[in-house]
N, C-alpha and C. Protein backbone atom coordinates (compact mmCIF):
# COMPACT_ATOMS: atom_id res chain seq x y z
N MET A 1 0.99 -1.41 0.21
CA MET A 1 -0.07 -0.07 -0.15
C MET A 1 0.98 1.24 0.19
N LYS A 2 0.85 2.20 -0.94
CA LYS A 2 1.57 3.81 -0.99
C LYS A 2 0.72 4.48 0.09
N ARG A 3 1.93 5.02 0.65
CA ARG A 3 1.22 6.21 1.49
C ARG A 3 1.52 7.59 0.84
N PHE A 4 0.87 8.92 0.98
CA PHE A 4 1.47 9.70 -0.08
C PHE A 4 1.14 11.01 1.06
N LEU A 5 2.07 12.07 0.67
CA LEU A 5 2.52 12.97 1.89
C LEU A 5 1.45 14.16 1.95
N THR A 6 0.82 14.82 2.41
CA THR A 6 0.76 15.87 1.79
C THR A 6 1.90 16.87 1.65
N GLU A 7 1.66 17.48 0.57
CA GLU A 7 2.90 18.80 0.54
C GLU A 7 1.87 20.46 1.18
N SER A 8 2.96 21.01 1.82
CA SER A 8 2.37 22.58 2.17
C SER A 8 3.39 23.41 2.86
N TYR A 9 3.26 24.37 2.76
CA TYR A 9 3.78 25.51 3.69
C TYR A 9 3.10 25.98 5.46
N LEU A 10 4.40 25.95 5.99
CA LEU A 10 3.76 26.58 7.74
C LEU A 10 4.64 27.55 7.29
N ILE A 11 4.66 28.46 8.82
CA ILE A 11 4.98 29.62 9.23
C ILE A 11 5.58 30.06 10.28
N THR A 12 6.75 29.88 10.63
CA THR A 12 7.41 29.58 11.89
C THR A 12 7.93 30.35 12.04
N GLU A 13 7.95 30.79 13.23
CA GLU A 13 9.05 31.79 14.73
C GLU A 13 9.89 31.53 15.68
N VAL A 14 10.51 31.31 15.49
CA VAL A 14 11.24 31.02 16.49
C VAL A 14 11.90 32.41 17.38
N GLU A 15 12.43 32.21 18.61
CA GLU A 15 13.56 33.25 18.80
C GLU A 15 13.25 35.36 18.32
N GLY A 16 11.45 35.39 17.46
CA GLY A 16 11.02 36.64 17.21
C GLY A 16 11.26 36.72 15.62
N VAL A 17 12.37 35.41 15.21
CA VAL A 17 12.37 35.74 13.74
C VAL A 17 11.00 34.53 13.41
N ARG A 18 10.77 35.31 12.05
CA ARG A 18 10.04 34.39 11.48
C ARG A 18 9.83 34.34 9.81
N THR A 19 9.04 32.59 9.55
CA THR A 19 10.15 32.94 7.54
C THR A 19 9.16 31.57 7.88
N VAL A 20 8.94 31.58 6.24
CA VAL A 20 7.98 29.71 5.29
C VAL A 20 8.71 29.15 4.91
N THR A 21 8.38 27.61 5.30
CA THR A 21 9.11 26.89 5.00
C THR A 21 7.95 25.57 4.81
N PRO A 22 8.43 25.11 3.63
CA PRO A 22 8.13 23.85 2.86
C PRO A 22 7.65 22.26 4.27
N VAL A 23 6.29 22.07 3.95
CA VAL A 23 6.54 20.79 5.05
C VAL A 23 6.25 19.89 4.20
N LEU A 24 5.99 18.77 4.89
CA LEU A 24 4.80 17.87 4.65
C LEU A 24 4.57 17.47 6.02
N VAL A 25 3.40 17.27 5.21
CA VAL A 25 2.10 16.14 5.86
C VAL A 25 1.83 14.99 6.28
N ASN A 26 1.54 13.80 7.30
CA ASN A 26 1.52 12.36 7.65
C ASN A 26 0.42 12.79 8.80
N GLU A 27 -0.82 12.53 8.52
CA GLU A 27 -1.52 11.74 9.50
C GLU A 27 -1.47 11.32 10.48
N LYS A 28 -0.47 10.26 10.69
CA LYS A 28 -0.47 8.93 11.42
C LYS A 28 0.41 9.71 11.98
N VAL A 29 0.81 10.65 12.05
CA VAL A 29 2.43 11.20 12.88
C VAL A 29 1.58 12.18 13.64
N ASP A 30 1.63 12.02 15.13
CA ASP A 30 1.41 13.29 15.74
C ASP A 30 2.36 14.58 15.75
N ARG A 31 3.67 14.56 16.05
CA ARG A 31 5.15 15.43 16.51
C ARG A 31 5.44 15.95 14.62
N VAL A 32 5.67 17.21 15.04
CA VAL A 32 6.20 18.08 14.61
C VAL A 32 7.28 17.63 14.50
N LEU A 33 8.33 17.69 13.14
CA LEU A 33 9.16 17.72 13.17
C LEU A 33 10.35 18.83 12.20
N LEU A 34 11.15 19.63 12.81
CA LEU A 34 11.45 20.72 11.48
C LEU A 34 12.81 20.20 11.76
N GLY A 35 13.73 20.23 10.56
CA GLY A 35 14.37 20.36 10.03
C GLY A 35 15.56 21.25 9.46
N THR A 36 16.59 20.81 8.65
CA THR A 36 18.24 22.10 8.03
C THR A 36 16.97 23.01 7.28
N ILE A 37 15.90 23.44 6.50
CA ILE A 37 15.83 24.10 5.31
C ILE A 37 14.84 24.78 6.57
N THR A 38 14.34 24.87 7.75
CA THR A 38 13.46 25.48 8.42
C THR A 38 14.92 25.84 9.08
N PHE A 39 15.86 25.82 10.17
CA PHE A 39 16.60 26.85 10.57
C PHE A 39 18.19 27.00 9.36
N GLU A 40 18.03 26.49 8.53
CA GLU A 40 18.50 27.80 8.07
C GLU A 40 18.05 28.50 7.29
N ALA A 41 16.48 28.71 7.14
CA ALA A 41 15.91 29.88 7.41
C ALA A 41 15.74 31.25 8.02
N LEU A 42 16.00 29.99 8.94
CA LEU A 42 16.03 31.56 10.65
C LEU A 42 17.21 31.52 10.62
N ALA A 43 18.01 31.29 10.21
CA ALA A 43 19.43 31.63 10.33
C ALA A 43 19.63 31.03 11.73
N LEU A 44 19.51 29.84 12.44
CA LEU A 44 20.09 28.76 13.06
C LEU A 44 20.62 27.20 12.53
N LYS A 45 21.05 27.09 14.61
CA LYS A 45 22.07 25.74 13.79
C LYS A 45 21.80 25.02 14.90
N PHE A 46 21.67 23.85 15.36
CA PHE A 46 21.25 23.03 16.59
C PHE A 46 22.64 22.68 16.96
N ASP A 47 22.55 22.73 17.97
CA ASP A 47 24.19 22.20 18.62
C ASP A 47 24.29 20.84 19.33
N PRO A 48 24.18 19.63 18.62
CA PRO A 48 24.34 18.34 19.41
C PRO A 48 24.94 18.24 21.16
N LYS A 49 25.72 19.00 21.22
CA LYS A 49 26.59 18.75 22.49
C LYS A 49 25.79 18.97 23.51
N THR A 50 25.09 20.12 23.40
CA THR A 50 24.27 20.53 24.03
C THR A 50 22.64 21.02 24.35
N GLY A 51 22.45 20.46 23.26
CA GLY A 51 20.86 20.73 22.72
C GLY A 51 20.08 22.27 22.04
N GLU A 52 21.02 22.90 21.86
CA GLU A 52 20.62 23.79 21.68
C GLU A 52 20.24 24.53 20.64
N LEU A 53 19.50 25.33 20.17
CA LEU A 53 19.99 25.82 19.50
C LEU A 53 20.31 27.24 19.20
N GLU A 54 21.08 27.79 17.92
CA GLU A 54 22.65 28.41 18.09
C GLU A 54 22.36 29.52 16.50
N LYS A 55 22.47 30.94 17.13
CA LYS A 55 22.39 31.76 15.76
C LYS A 55 23.77 31.54 14.99
N THR A 56 23.46 31.90 13.29
CA THR A 56 25.09 31.60 12.92
C THR A 56 24.57 31.93 11.80
N GLU A 57 25.80 32.18 11.07
CA GLU A 57 25.76 33.08 9.72
C GLU A 57 24.91 32.46 8.13
N VAL A 58 23.94 33.34 7.62
CA VAL A 58 23.53 32.92 6.06
C VAL A 58 23.99 33.10 4.64
N LEU A 59 24.28 32.14 4.09
CA LEU A 59 25.59 32.28 3.10
C LEU A 59 24.22 32.55 2.02
N LEU A 60 24.17 33.28 1.30
CA LEU A 60 23.00 33.35 0.21
C LEU A 60 24.31 33.20 -1.12
N LEU A 61 23.77 32.56 -1.78
CA LEU A 61 24.64 31.81 -2.83
C LEU A 61 23.95 32.14 -4.28
């Protein structure tokens, strides 16, 4: 059985910075998972040692 994910967009705000990022919606999963695209759009990075989000530089190519 094939399962399809619905594509949509999400307005996300973290620490006063707001952005719109693409998302995939799965009706069976009841959690939110923010990924690399969202973190980069917010100029944030995840520090695996501390478990904290940190501000980072954004390189526009």
